Amino acid sequence: MPLHVPPAPAPALRSVLAALGSPTALAAGTPALRAFQGPLTAELPLPVHVLDRLGMAQPALGARPPRTRLTGWRFLIRGGDRHIAAADTRLTPDGWVFSHFFEGPYVAATERALRQAESLAKNYQPRLLSVPELYMLTLWLHGSVGADASAGLPAAADLLVPLAPAPPGIAAYRPHPVSELLPVMTHRLTPPAPPVRPPLAAPAA
């Protein structure tokens, strides 16, 4: 089914288009952007959320659950027949502004995960969810397609698709319900319990 890609804030899109039209910004961009000859377009805007306090999410200890916060909007930059880079924007007191261009494995990984998500049997709103504590980025498929893309927590039935490179032991591109993957990620950050020392033997009489 088609993904319901949320509309990006107009100032964020304008800032990226201005950067694409700026020889100075492109000269400071990525090698792929500098080398490409032809028109560049900004596509597939995705809100980037960060998952905080994952290492503190231990209900048995009364800790608060993780929270998410919006940190920017990311656009895939198309050159010719493929996406060759991405552009990030960030929110300032004066509004949304262009942050930087980048390339690397997450560009192709995001494109692949989006194509894969289009084959699922349910409609989703795509987002990106970063887990800094695990150096992990996921495609967050939110079940409420009409929700405000700048807010909200992952629902238990939402899907998280780890992008490559994923942390060891977590399969990239495999959709996981939040209710299943969140405990796995939390366990990764839970320090092991200290070893229990055997009791001292009683002194001989």
N, C-alpha and C. Protein backbone atom coordinates (compact mmCIF):
# COMPACT_ATOMS: atom_id res chain seq x y z
N MET A 1 0.84 -1.19 0.00
CA MET A 1 0.00 0.00 0.00
C MET A 1 0.88 1.24 0.00
N PRO A 2 0.37 2.35 -0.51
CA PRO A 2 1.21 3.55 -0.56
C PRO A 2 1.46 4.12 0.83
N LEU A 3 2.64 4.66 1.00
CA LEU A 3 2.96 5.36 2.24
C LEU A 3 2.38 6.76 2.18
N HIS A 4 1.97 7.26 3.32
CA HIS A 4 1.44 8.61 3.42
C HIS A 4 2.56 9.51 3.91
N VAL A 5 3.39 9.98 2.97
CA VAL A 5 4.54 10.82 3.33
C VAL A 5 4.01 12.17 3.82
N PRO A 6 4.37 12.57 5.05
CA PRO A 6 3.83 13.82 5.60
C PRO A 6 4.43 15.03 4.89
N PRO A 7 3.66 16.11 4.76
CA PRO A 7 4.23 17.32 4.16
C PRO A 7 5.22 17.98 5.11
N ALA A 8 6.34 18.38 4.58
CA ALA A 8 7.34 19.09 5.40
C ALA A 8 6.90 20.53 5.59
N PRO A 9 7.36 21.18 6.65
CA PRO A 9 7.10 22.61 6.79
C PRO A 9 7.63 23.35 5.57
N ALA A 10 6.83 24.27 5.07
CA ALA A 10 7.22 24.99 3.85
C ALA A 10 8.58 25.68 3.99
N PRO A 11 8.89 26.33 5.13
CA PRO A 11 10.22 26.95 5.25
C PRO A 11 11.36 25.95 5.16
N ALA A 12 11.14 24.73 5.66
CA ALA A 12 12.19 23.71 5.58
C ALA A 12 12.46 23.34 4.13
N LEU A 13 11.39 23.14 3.36
CA LEU A 13 11.57 22.80 1.95
C LEU A 13 12.22 23.96 1.21
N ARG A 14 11.77 25.18 1.48
CA ARG A 14 12.37 26.33 0.79
C ARG A 14 13.86 26.45 1.08
N SER A 15 14.25 26.15 2.32
CA SER A 15 15.67 26.28 2.67
C SER A 15 16.52 25.26 1.93
N VAL A 16 15.97 24.05 1.73
CA VAL A 16 16.72 23.03 0.99
C VAL A 16 16.79 23.40 -0.49
N LEU A 17 15.68 23.88 -1.06
CA LEU A 17 15.70 24.27 -2.47
C LEU A 17 16.67 25.42 -2.69
N ALA A 18 16.74 26.34 -1.73
CA ALA A 18 17.69 27.45 -1.86
C ALA A 18 19.12 26.92 -1.82
N ALA A 19 19.39 25.94 -0.96
CA ALA A 19 20.73 25.36 -0.89
C ALA A 19 21.08 24.63 -2.19
N LEU A 20 20.09 23.95 -2.78
CA LEU A 20 20.35 23.26 -4.04
C LEU A 20 20.63 24.24 -5.17
N GLY A 21 20.10 25.44 -5.05
CA GLY A 21 20.34 26.45 -6.06
C GLY A 21 21.53 27.33 -5.78
N SER A 22 22.26 27.04 -4.70
CA SER A 22 23.39 27.87 -4.30
C SER A 22 24.70 27.17 -4.68
N PRO A 23 25.49 27.72 -5.59
CA PRO A 23 26.79 27.11 -5.89
C PRO A 23 27.69 27.00 -4.67
N THR A 24 27.58 27.94 -3.76
CA THR A 24 28.40 27.89 -2.55
C THR A 24 28.02 26.71 -1.68
N ALA A 25 26.71 26.50 -1.47
CA ALA A 25 26.25 25.38 -0.64
C ALA A 25 26.60 24.05 -1.28
N LEU A 26 26.44 23.95 -2.61
CA LEU A 26 26.77 22.70 -3.28
C LEU A 26 28.27 22.43 -3.26
N ALA A 27 29.07 23.49 -3.37
CA ALA A 27 30.51 23.32 -3.33
C ALA A 27 30.97 22.80 -1.99
N ALA A 28 30.21 23.15 -0.92
CA ALA A 28 30.53 22.66 0.42
C ALA A 28 29.82 21.35 0.73
N GLY A 29 29.07 20.83 -0.25
CA GLY A 29 28.31 19.61 -0.02
C GLY A 29 29.15 18.36 -0.19
N THR A 30 28.49 17.29 -0.65
CA THR A 30 29.15 15.99 -0.73
C THR A 30 29.84 15.82 -2.08
N PRO A 31 30.77 14.88 -2.18
CA PRO A 31 31.41 14.63 -3.48
C PRO A 31 30.42 14.28 -4.58
N ALA A 32 29.37 13.51 -4.24
CA ALA A 32 28.39 13.13 -5.26
C ALA A 32 27.65 14.35 -5.79
N LEU A 33 27.31 15.28 -4.90
CA LEU A 33 26.63 16.50 -5.34
C LEU A 33 27.54 17.36 -6.19
N ARG A 34 28.78 17.48 -5.78
CA ARG A 34 29.71 18.32 -6.54
C ARG A 34 29.99 17.74 -7.93
N ALA A 35 29.96 16.41 -8.03
CA ALA A 35 30.30 15.78 -9.30
C ALA A 35 29.11 15.66 -10.25
N PHE A 36 27.89 15.75 -9.70
CA PHE A 36 26.73 15.50 -10.55
C PHE A 36 26.46 16.68 -11.47
N GLN A 37 26.20 16.37 -12.73
CA GLN A 37 25.86 17.37 -13.73
C GLN A 37 24.39 17.21 -14.11
N GLY A 38 23.58 18.17 -13.74
CA GLY A 38 22.16 18.07 -14.07
C GLY A 38 21.32 18.59 -12.93
N PRO A 39 20.00 18.60 -13.12
CA PRO A 39 19.11 19.12 -12.08
C PRO A 39 19.05 18.21 -10.86
N LEU A 40 18.91 18.82 -9.69
CA LEU A 40 18.77 18.10 -8.43
C LEU A 40 17.41 18.44 -7.83
N THR A 41 16.75 17.45 -7.27
CA THR A 41 15.44 17.68 -6.67
C THR A 41 15.41 17.11 -5.26
N ALA A 42 14.61 17.73 -4.40
CA ALA A 42 14.42 17.28 -3.02
C ALA A 42 13.12 16.49 -2.93
N GLU A 43 13.20 15.26 -2.42
CA GLU A 43 12.04 14.38 -2.40
C GLU A 43 11.92 13.71 -1.02
N LEU A 44 10.76 13.10 -0.82
CA LEU A 44 10.50 12.24 0.34
C LEU A 44 10.91 12.88 1.65
N PRO A 45 10.28 13.98 2.04
CA PRO A 45 10.61 14.59 3.33
C PRO A 45 10.19 13.69 4.49
N LEU A 46 11.09 13.49 5.42
CA LEU A 46 10.81 12.65 6.59
C LEU A 46 11.18 13.39 7.86
N PRO A 47 10.27 13.45 8.84
CA PRO A 47 10.65 14.04 10.12
C PRO A 47 11.61 13.13 10.86
N VAL A 48 12.63 13.71 11.46
CA VAL A 48 13.64 12.95 12.19
C VAL A 48 13.39 13.12 13.69
N HIS A 49 13.04 12.04 14.34
CA HIS A 49 12.81 12.04 15.78
C HIS A 49 13.97 11.31 16.46
N VAL A 50 14.28 11.72 17.66
CA VAL A 50 15.32 11.07 18.46
C VAL A 50 14.65 10.42 19.67
N LEU A 51 15.03 9.18 19.94
CA LEU A 51 14.52 8.45 21.09
C LEU A 51 15.48 8.67 22.25
N ASP A 52 15.00 9.34 23.29
CA ASP A 52 15.82 9.66 24.47
C ASP A 52 15.50 8.72 25.63
N ARG A 53 16.44 8.64 26.55
CA ARG A 53 16.27 7.92 27.82
C ARG A 53 16.04 6.44 27.63
N LEU A 54 16.49 5.86 26.53
CA LEU A 54 16.27 4.43 26.34
C LEU A 54 16.96 3.62 27.41
N GLY A 55 18.17 4.01 27.80
CA GLY A 55 18.90 3.27 28.82
C GLY A 55 18.29 3.35 30.20
N MET A 56 17.33 4.30 30.39
CA MET A 56 16.69 4.45 31.70
C MET A 56 15.34 3.75 31.75
N ALA A 57 14.93 3.14 30.64
CA ALA A 57 13.58 2.57 30.56
C ALA A 57 13.55 1.19 31.21
N GLN A 58 13.59 1.18 32.51
CA GLN A 58 13.53 -0.06 33.27
C GLN A 58 12.34 0.02 34.23
N PRO A 59 11.16 -0.42 33.76
CA PRO A 59 9.95 -0.28 34.58
C PRO A 59 10.08 -0.85 35.98
N ALA A 60 10.86 -1.94 36.11
CA ALA A 60 10.99 -2.55 37.43
C ALA A 60 11.63 -1.59 38.43
N LEU A 61 12.40 -0.63 37.93
CA LEU A 61 13.06 0.32 38.81
C LEU A 61 12.28 1.63 38.91
N GLY A 62 11.09 1.66 38.31
CA GLY A 62 10.27 2.86 38.38
C GLY A 62 10.76 3.99 37.50
N ALA A 63 11.58 3.68 36.50
CA ALA A 63 12.11 4.72 35.62
C ALA A 63 11.03 5.18 34.65
N ARG A 64 11.20 6.42 34.17
CA ARG A 64 10.27 6.94 33.19
C ARG A 64 10.52 6.29 31.83
N PRO A 65 9.46 6.15 31.00
CA PRO A 65 9.65 5.55 29.67
C PRO A 65 10.44 6.47 28.77
N PRO A 66 10.95 5.93 27.66
CA PRO A 66 11.66 6.81 26.72
C PRO A 66 10.73 7.88 26.18
N ARG A 67 11.30 8.90 25.63
CA ARG A 67 10.52 9.95 24.99
C ARG A 67 11.15 10.27 23.64
N THR A 68 10.38 10.86 22.77
CA THR A 68 10.90 11.26 21.46
C THR A 68 10.82 12.77 21.33
N ARG A 69 11.72 13.30 20.51
CA ARG A 69 11.70 14.74 20.21
C ARG A 69 12.09 14.93 18.76
N LEU A 70 11.41 15.86 18.11
CA LEU A 70 11.71 16.17 16.72
C LEU A 70 12.98 16.99 16.64
N THR A 71 13.93 16.56 15.80
CA THR A 71 15.18 17.31 15.67
C THR A 71 15.37 17.91 14.28
N GLY A 72 14.57 17.50 13.31
CA GLY A 72 14.72 18.07 11.99
C GLY A 72 13.86 17.36 10.96
N TRP A 73 13.99 17.81 9.72
CA TRP A 73 13.37 17.15 8.57
C TRP A 73 14.48 16.80 7.59
N ARG A 74 14.38 15.60 7.02
CA ARG A 74 15.39 15.12 6.09
C ARG A 74 14.75 14.91 4.71
N PHE A 75 15.45 15.36 3.69
CA PHE A 75 15.00 15.21 2.31
C PHE A 75 16.02 14.37 1.55
N LEU A 76 15.55 13.42 0.75
CA LEU A 76 16.44 12.71 -0.15
C LEU A 76 16.62 13.54 -1.42
N ILE A 77 17.85 13.64 -1.87
CA ILE A 77 18.18 14.46 -3.03
C ILE A 77 18.39 13.55 -4.23
N ARG A 78 17.52 13.76 -5.23
CA ARG A 78 17.60 12.95 -6.44
C ARG A 78 18.45 13.64 -7.49
N GLY A 79 19.35 12.86 -8.07
CA GLY A 79 20.12 13.29 -9.22
C GLY A 79 20.00 12.24 -10.29
N GLY A 80 19.29 12.54 -11.36
CA GLY A 80 19.06 11.53 -12.38
C GLY A 80 18.06 10.49 -11.92
N ASP A 81 18.44 9.23 -11.99
CA ASP A 81 17.51 8.14 -11.66
C ASP A 81 17.71 7.58 -10.26
N ARG A 82 18.46 8.26 -9.41
CA ARG A 82 18.68 7.72 -8.06
C ARG A 82 18.90 8.85 -7.07
N HIS A 83 18.78 8.50 -5.80
CA HIS A 83 19.06 9.45 -4.73
C HIS A 83 20.55 9.39 -4.42
N ILE A 84 21.22 10.53 -4.52
CA ILE A 84 22.67 10.54 -4.36
C ILE A 84 23.11 11.19 -3.06
N ALA A 85 22.20 11.81 -2.34
CA ALA A 85 22.56 12.48 -1.08
C ALA A 85 21.28 12.75 -0.31
N ALA A 86 21.44 13.39 0.83
CA ALA A 86 20.30 13.81 1.64
C ALA A 86 20.60 15.20 2.19
N ALA A 87 19.55 15.89 2.55
CA ALA A 87 19.69 17.23 3.14
C ALA A 87 18.91 17.28 4.44
N ASP A 88 19.56 17.76 5.47
CA ASP A 88 18.92 17.92 6.78
C ASP A 88 18.61 19.38 7.03
N THR A 89 17.49 19.61 7.71
CA THR A 89 17.13 20.95 8.19
C THR A 89 16.99 20.89 9.69
N ARG A 90 17.05 22.05 10.31
CA ARG A 90 16.90 22.11 11.77
C ARG A 90 16.07 23.33 12.13
N LEU A 91 15.48 23.26 13.31
CA LEU A 91 14.62 24.34 13.78
C LEU A 91 15.42 25.30 14.65
N THR A 92 15.33 26.58 14.33
CA THR A 92 16.00 27.63 15.09
C THR A 92 14.94 28.58 15.64
N PRO A 93 15.31 29.52 16.50
CA PRO A 93 14.31 30.51 16.97
C PRO A 93 13.67 31.30 15.84
N ASP A 94 14.35 31.36 14.69
CA ASP A 94 13.80 32.08 13.54
C ASP A 94 13.07 31.17 12.56
N GLY A 95 12.94 29.89 12.90
CA GLY A 95 12.23 28.96 12.02
C GLY A 95 13.15 27.89 11.45
N TRP A 96 12.63 27.16 10.47
CA TRP A 96 13.38 26.06 9.87
C TRP A 96 14.44 26.59 8.92
N VAL A 97 15.67 26.03 9.02
CA VAL A 97 16.77 26.44 8.16
C VAL A 97 17.50 25.20 7.66
N PHE A 98 18.15 25.34 6.52
CA PHE A 98 18.99 24.26 5.99
C PHE A 98 20.17 24.03 6.93
N SER A 99 20.49 22.75 7.16
CA SER A 99 21.61 22.41 8.03
C SER A 99 22.82 21.95 7.23
N HIS A 100 22.69 20.83 6.50
CA HIS A 100 23.83 20.32 5.74
C HIS A 100 23.38 19.23 4.78
N PHE A 101 24.21 18.98 3.78
CA PHE A 101 24.07 17.83 2.89
C PHE A 101 24.94 16.69 3.42
N PHE A 102 24.56 15.47 3.13
CA PHE A 102 25.43 14.35 3.47
C PHE A 102 25.11 13.18 2.54
N GLU A 103 26.02 12.25 2.46
CA GLU A 103 25.80 11.00 1.74
C GLU A 103 26.36 9.87 2.59
N GLY A 104 26.21 8.66 2.12
CA GLY A 104 26.66 7.52 2.90
C GLY A 104 25.62 6.42 2.90
N PRO A 105 25.83 5.39 3.71
CA PRO A 105 24.96 4.20 3.64
C PRO A 105 23.51 4.47 4.01
N TYR A 106 23.25 5.45 4.88
CA TYR A 106 21.88 5.66 5.30
C TYR A 106 21.00 6.22 4.19
N VAL A 107 21.59 6.84 3.17
CA VAL A 107 20.78 7.35 2.05
C VAL A 107 20.17 6.18 1.28
N ALA A 108 21.01 5.25 0.84
CA ALA A 108 20.50 4.08 0.12
C ALA A 108 19.64 3.21 1.03
N ALA A 109 20.01 3.11 2.31
CA ALA A 109 19.23 2.28 3.23
C ALA A 109 17.83 2.84 3.43
N THR A 110 17.72 4.16 3.53
CA THR A 110 16.39 4.78 3.68
C THR A 110 15.54 4.52 2.45
N GLU A 111 16.12 4.70 1.27
CA GLU A 111 15.38 4.45 0.03
C GLU A 111 14.91 3.00 -0.04
N ARG A 112 15.79 2.07 0.30
CA ARG A 112 15.42 0.65 0.25
C ARG A 112 14.30 0.34 1.23
N ALA A 113 14.40 0.86 2.46
CA ALA A 113 13.37 0.58 3.47
C ALA A 113 12.03 1.18 3.08
N LEU A 114 12.04 2.35 2.44
CA LEU A 114 10.79 2.96 1.99
C LEU A 114 10.14 2.10 0.90
N ARG A 115 10.93 1.62 -0.04
CA ARG A 115 10.38 0.75 -1.10
C ARG A 115 9.80 -0.52 -0.49
N GLN A 116 10.50 -1.08 0.49
CA GLN A 116 10.02 -2.28 1.14
C GLN A 116 8.71 -2.02 1.87
N ALA A 117 8.61 -0.86 2.53
CA ALA A 117 7.41 -0.55 3.30
C ALA A 117 6.19 -0.38 2.41
N GLU A 118 6.39 0.02 1.16
CA GLU A 118 5.26 0.19 0.25
C GLU A 118 4.57 -1.12 -0.08
N SER A 119 5.23 -2.25 0.18
CA SER A 119 4.64 -3.54 -0.12
C SER A 119 3.86 -4.12 1.06
N LEU A 120 3.87 -3.43 2.20
CA LEU A 120 3.14 -3.92 3.37
C LEU A 120 1.64 -3.79 3.16
N ALA A 121 0.89 -4.57 3.93
CA ALA A 121 -0.56 -4.63 3.73
C ALA A 121 -1.32 -3.53 4.46
N LYS A 122 -0.62 -2.61 5.09
CA LYS A 122 -1.28 -1.55 5.85
C LYS A 122 -0.68 -0.21 5.48
N ASN A 123 -1.47 0.85 5.58
CA ASN A 123 -0.98 2.20 5.34
C ASN A 123 -0.21 2.70 6.56
N TYR A 124 0.89 3.40 6.29
CA TYR A 124 1.70 3.96 7.37
C TYR A 124 2.15 5.37 7.00
N GLN A 125 2.46 6.13 8.03
CA GLN A 125 3.13 7.42 7.86
C GLN A 125 4.61 7.21 8.17
N PRO A 126 5.49 7.40 7.19
CA PRO A 126 6.91 7.15 7.45
C PRO A 126 7.59 8.30 8.18
N ARG A 127 8.43 7.93 9.12
CA ARG A 127 9.26 8.87 9.86
C ARG A 127 10.63 8.22 10.04
N LEU A 128 11.58 8.96 10.54
CA LEU A 128 12.86 8.39 10.94
C LEU A 128 12.99 8.51 12.46
N LEU A 129 13.47 7.45 13.08
CA LEU A 129 13.68 7.44 14.52
C LEU A 129 15.13 7.08 14.79
N SER A 130 15.86 8.00 15.39
CA SER A 130 17.26 7.80 15.73
C SER A 130 17.39 7.36 17.18
N VAL A 131 18.25 6.39 17.41
CA VAL A 131 18.52 5.89 18.77
C VAL A 131 20.01 6.12 19.04
N PRO A 132 20.38 7.30 19.50
CA PRO A 132 21.81 7.62 19.65
C PRO A 132 22.55 6.67 20.57
N GLU A 133 21.88 6.18 21.61
CA GLU A 133 22.56 5.31 22.56
C GLU A 133 23.04 4.00 21.92
N LEU A 134 22.41 3.62 20.80
CA LEU A 134 22.81 2.39 20.10
C LEU A 134 23.43 2.69 18.74
N TYR A 135 23.66 3.97 18.43
CA TYR A 135 24.17 4.36 17.11
C TYR A 135 23.30 3.71 16.03
N MET A 136 21.99 3.91 16.15
CA MET A 136 21.02 3.18 15.33
C MET A 136 20.02 4.16 14.73
N LEU A 137 19.68 3.93 13.45
CA LEU A 137 18.65 4.71 12.78
C LEU A 137 17.62 3.75 12.22
N THR A 138 16.34 4.06 12.43
CA THR A 138 15.27 3.19 11.95
C THR A 138 14.27 4.00 11.14
N LEU A 139 13.62 3.31 10.21
CA LEU A 139 12.43 3.86 9.56
C LEU A 139 11.25 3.55 10.48
N TRP A 140 10.60 4.58 10.96
CA TRP A 140 9.48 4.44 11.89
C TRP A 140 8.20 4.53 11.07
N LEU A 141 7.45 3.42 11.02
CA LEU A 141 6.19 3.38 10.29
C LEU A 141 5.05 3.55 11.28
N HIS A 142 4.51 4.77 11.29
CA HIS A 142 3.49 5.15 12.26
C HIS A 142 2.11 4.78 11.71
N GLY A 143 1.31 4.10 12.51
CA GLY A 143 0.03 3.60 12.05
C GLY A 143 -1.03 4.65 11.85
N SER A 144 -0.89 5.80 12.49
CA SER A 144 -1.87 6.88 12.36
C SER A 144 -1.40 7.80 11.24
N VAL A 145 -1.90 7.57 10.03
CA VAL A 145 -1.36 8.27 8.86
C VAL A 145 -1.69 9.76 8.86
N GLY A 146 -2.74 10.15 9.59
CA GLY A 146 -3.10 11.56 9.61
C GLY A 146 -2.56 12.32 10.81
N ALA A 147 -1.69 11.69 11.59
CA ALA A 147 -1.17 12.32 12.81
C ALA A 147 -0.21 13.45 12.47
N ASP A 148 -0.03 14.34 13.44
CA ASP A 148 0.97 15.39 13.31
C ASP A 148 2.35 14.74 13.28
N ALA A 149 3.05 14.87 12.17
CA ALA A 149 4.33 14.18 12.00
C ALA A 149 5.42 14.72 12.90
N SER A 150 5.20 15.86 13.53
CA SER A 150 6.23 16.45 14.37
C SER A 150 6.13 16.01 15.82
N ALA A 151 5.14 15.21 16.17
CA ALA A 151 4.93 14.84 17.57
C ALA A 151 4.50 13.39 17.67
N GLY A 152 4.46 12.90 18.90
CA GLY A 152 3.95 11.57 19.14
C GLY A 152 5.02 10.57 19.52
N LEU A 153 4.59 9.55 20.25
CA LEU A 153 5.47 8.45 20.64
C LEU A 153 5.19 7.24 19.77
N PRO A 154 6.17 6.35 19.60
CA PRO A 154 5.89 5.11 18.86
C PRO A 154 4.83 4.28 19.59
N ALA A 155 3.77 3.94 18.88
CA ALA A 155 2.74 3.08 19.44
C ALA A 155 3.21 1.63 19.39
N ALA A 156 2.63 0.81 20.25
CA ALA A 156 3.08 -0.58 20.35
C ALA A 156 2.97 -1.31 19.01
N ALA A 157 1.94 -0.97 18.21
CA ALA A 157 1.74 -1.66 16.94
C ALA A 157 2.47 -1.00 15.78
N ASP A 158 3.11 0.15 15.99
CA ASP A 158 3.93 0.75 14.94
C ASP A 158 5.09 -0.18 14.61
N LEU A 159 5.64 0.00 13.42
CA LEU A 159 6.78 -0.81 13.00
C LEU A 159 8.04 0.03 12.97
N LEU A 160 9.14 -0.59 13.39
CA LEU A 160 10.47 0.00 13.28
C LEU A 160 11.30 -0.89 12.36
N VAL A 161 11.89 -0.27 11.34
CA VAL A 161 12.71 -1.00 10.38
C VAL A 161 14.14 -0.51 10.53
N PRO A 162 15.02 -1.27 11.19
CA PRO A 162 16.41 -0.84 11.34
C PRO A 162 17.08 -0.66 9.99
N LEU A 163 17.78 0.46 9.82
CA LEU A 163 18.52 0.71 8.60
C LEU A 163 19.94 0.18 8.73
N ALA A 164 20.50 -0.20 7.61
CA ALA A 164 21.89 -0.68 7.61
C ALA A 164 22.84 0.52 7.55
N PRO A 165 23.91 0.48 8.36
CA PRO A 165 24.33 -0.60 9.24
C PRO A 165 23.57 -0.58 10.57
N ALA A 166 23.06 -1.75 10.95
CA ALA A 166 22.33 -1.89 12.20
C ALA A 166 23.27 -2.45 13.27
N PRO A 167 22.91 -2.27 14.55
CA PRO A 167 23.75 -2.83 15.62
C PRO A 167 23.85 -4.34 15.51
N PRO A 168 24.94 -4.93 15.98
CA PRO A 168 25.09 -6.39 15.94
C PRO A 168 23.90 -7.08 16.62
N GLY A 169 23.41 -8.11 15.97
CA GLY A 169 22.30 -8.88 16.53
C GLY A 169 20.93 -8.35 16.20
N ILE A 170 20.83 -7.20 15.52
CA ILE A 170 19.55 -6.65 15.10
C ILE A 170 19.56 -6.62 13.58
N ALA A 171 18.62 -7.33 12.96
CA ALA A 171 18.61 -7.49 11.51
C ALA A 171 18.15 -6.20 10.83
N ALA A 172 18.94 -5.72 9.88
CA ALA A 172 18.54 -4.56 9.10
C ALA A 172 17.40 -4.93 8.15
N TYR A 173 16.53 -3.96 7.93
CA TYR A 173 15.41 -4.05 6.98
C TYR A 173 14.31 -5.01 7.41
N ARG A 174 14.38 -5.55 8.59
CA ARG A 174 13.31 -6.42 9.07
C ARG A 174 12.35 -5.59 9.91
N PRO A 175 11.06 -5.51 9.51
CA PRO A 175 10.10 -4.73 10.30
C PRO A 175 9.82 -5.40 11.64
N HIS A 176 9.95 -4.61 12.70
CA HIS A 176 9.68 -5.10 14.05
C HIS A 176 8.58 -4.26 14.67
N PRO A 177 7.54 -4.86 15.26
CA PRO A 177 6.63 -4.06 16.07
C PRO A 177 7.39 -3.39 17.22
N VAL A 178 7.00 -2.18 17.53
CA VAL A 178 7.66 -1.45 18.62
C VAL A 178 7.63 -2.27 19.91
N SER A 179 6.52 -2.95 20.16
CA SER A 179 6.37 -3.72 21.40
C SER A 179 7.40 -4.84 21.49
N GLU A 180 7.97 -5.27 20.35
CA GLU A 180 8.98 -6.32 20.37
C GLU A 180 10.39 -5.76 20.35
N LEU A 181 10.62 -4.72 19.55
CA LEU A 181 11.99 -4.23 19.41
C LEU A 181 12.43 -3.34 20.56
N LEU A 182 11.51 -2.56 21.12
CA LEU A 182 11.90 -1.66 22.21
C LEU A 182 12.50 -2.41 23.39
N PRO A 183 11.90 -3.52 23.85
CA PRO A 183 12.54 -4.26 24.95
C PRO A 183 13.92 -4.78 24.58
N VAL A 184 14.13 -5.17 23.32
CA VAL A 184 15.44 -5.66 22.90
C VAL A 184 16.47 -4.54 22.99
N MET A 185 16.09 -3.36 22.50
CA MET A 185 17.01 -2.23 22.55
C MET A 185 17.30 -1.82 23.98
N THR A 186 16.27 -1.84 24.82
CA THR A 186 16.46 -1.48 26.22
C THR A 186 17.39 -2.46 26.92
N HIS A 187 17.22 -3.75 26.60
CA HIS A 187 18.07 -4.77 27.22
C HIS A 187 19.53 -4.56 26.85
N ARG A 188 19.78 -4.08 25.62
CA ARG A 188 21.16 -3.85 25.20
C ARG A 188 21.86 -2.84 26.09
N LEU A 189 21.10 -1.91 26.66
CA LEU A 189 21.69 -0.84 27.45
C LEU A 189 21.57 -1.06 28.95
N THR A 190 20.96 -2.18 29.33
CA THR A 190 20.82 -2.46 30.76
C THR A 190 22.10 -3.08 31.28
N PRO A 191 22.78 -2.46 32.24
CA PRO A 191 24.03 -3.04 32.74
C PRO A 191 23.78 -4.39 33.41
N PRO A 192 24.68 -5.33 33.23
CA PRO A 192 24.50 -6.64 33.85
C PRO A 192 24.52 -6.54 35.37
N ALA A 193 23.77 -7.43 35.98
CA ALA A 193 23.74 -7.45 37.45
C ALA A 193 25.10 -7.89 37.98
N PRO A 194 25.54 -7.30 39.08
CA PRO A 194 26.84 -7.71 39.65
C PRO A 194 26.78 -9.16 40.10
N PRO A 195 27.88 -9.86 40.00
CA PRO A 195 27.88 -11.27 40.42
C PRO A 195 27.62 -11.39 41.92
N VAL A 196 26.90 -12.44 42.25
CA VAL A 196 26.56 -12.70 43.66
C VAL A 196 27.71 -13.48 44.29
N ARG A 197 28.28 -12.92 45.34
CA ARG A 197 29.38 -13.60 46.00
C ARG A 197 28.85 -14.71 46.91
N PRO A 198 29.51 -15.86 46.90
CA PRO A 198 29.06 -16.93 47.81
C PRO A 198 29.28 -16.50 49.26
N PRO A 199 28.43 -17.00 50.16
CA PRO A 199 28.60 -16.63 51.57
C PRO A 199 29.90 -17.18 52.12
N LEU A 200 30.49 -16.43 53.04
CA LEU A 200 31.72 -16.88 53.69
C LEU A 200 31.45 -18.09 54.57
N ALA A 201 32.36 -19.03 54.51
CA ALA A 201 32.20 -20.23 55.34
C ALA A 201 32.38 -19.85 56.82
N ALA A 202 31.61 -20.52 57.67
CA ALA A 202 31.72 -20.25 59.09
C ALA A 202 33.07 -20.78 59.60
N PRO A 203 33.68 -20.07 60.52
CA PRO A 203 34.98 -20.55 61.05
C PRO A 203 34.83 -21.87 61.78
N ALA A 204 35.85 -22.70 61.66
CA ALA A 204 35.81 -24.00 62.34
C ALA A 204 35.78 -23.80 63.85
N ALA A 205 35.04 -24.70 64.52
CA ALA A 205 34.92 -24.59 65.99
C ALA A 205 36.23 -25.05 66.62
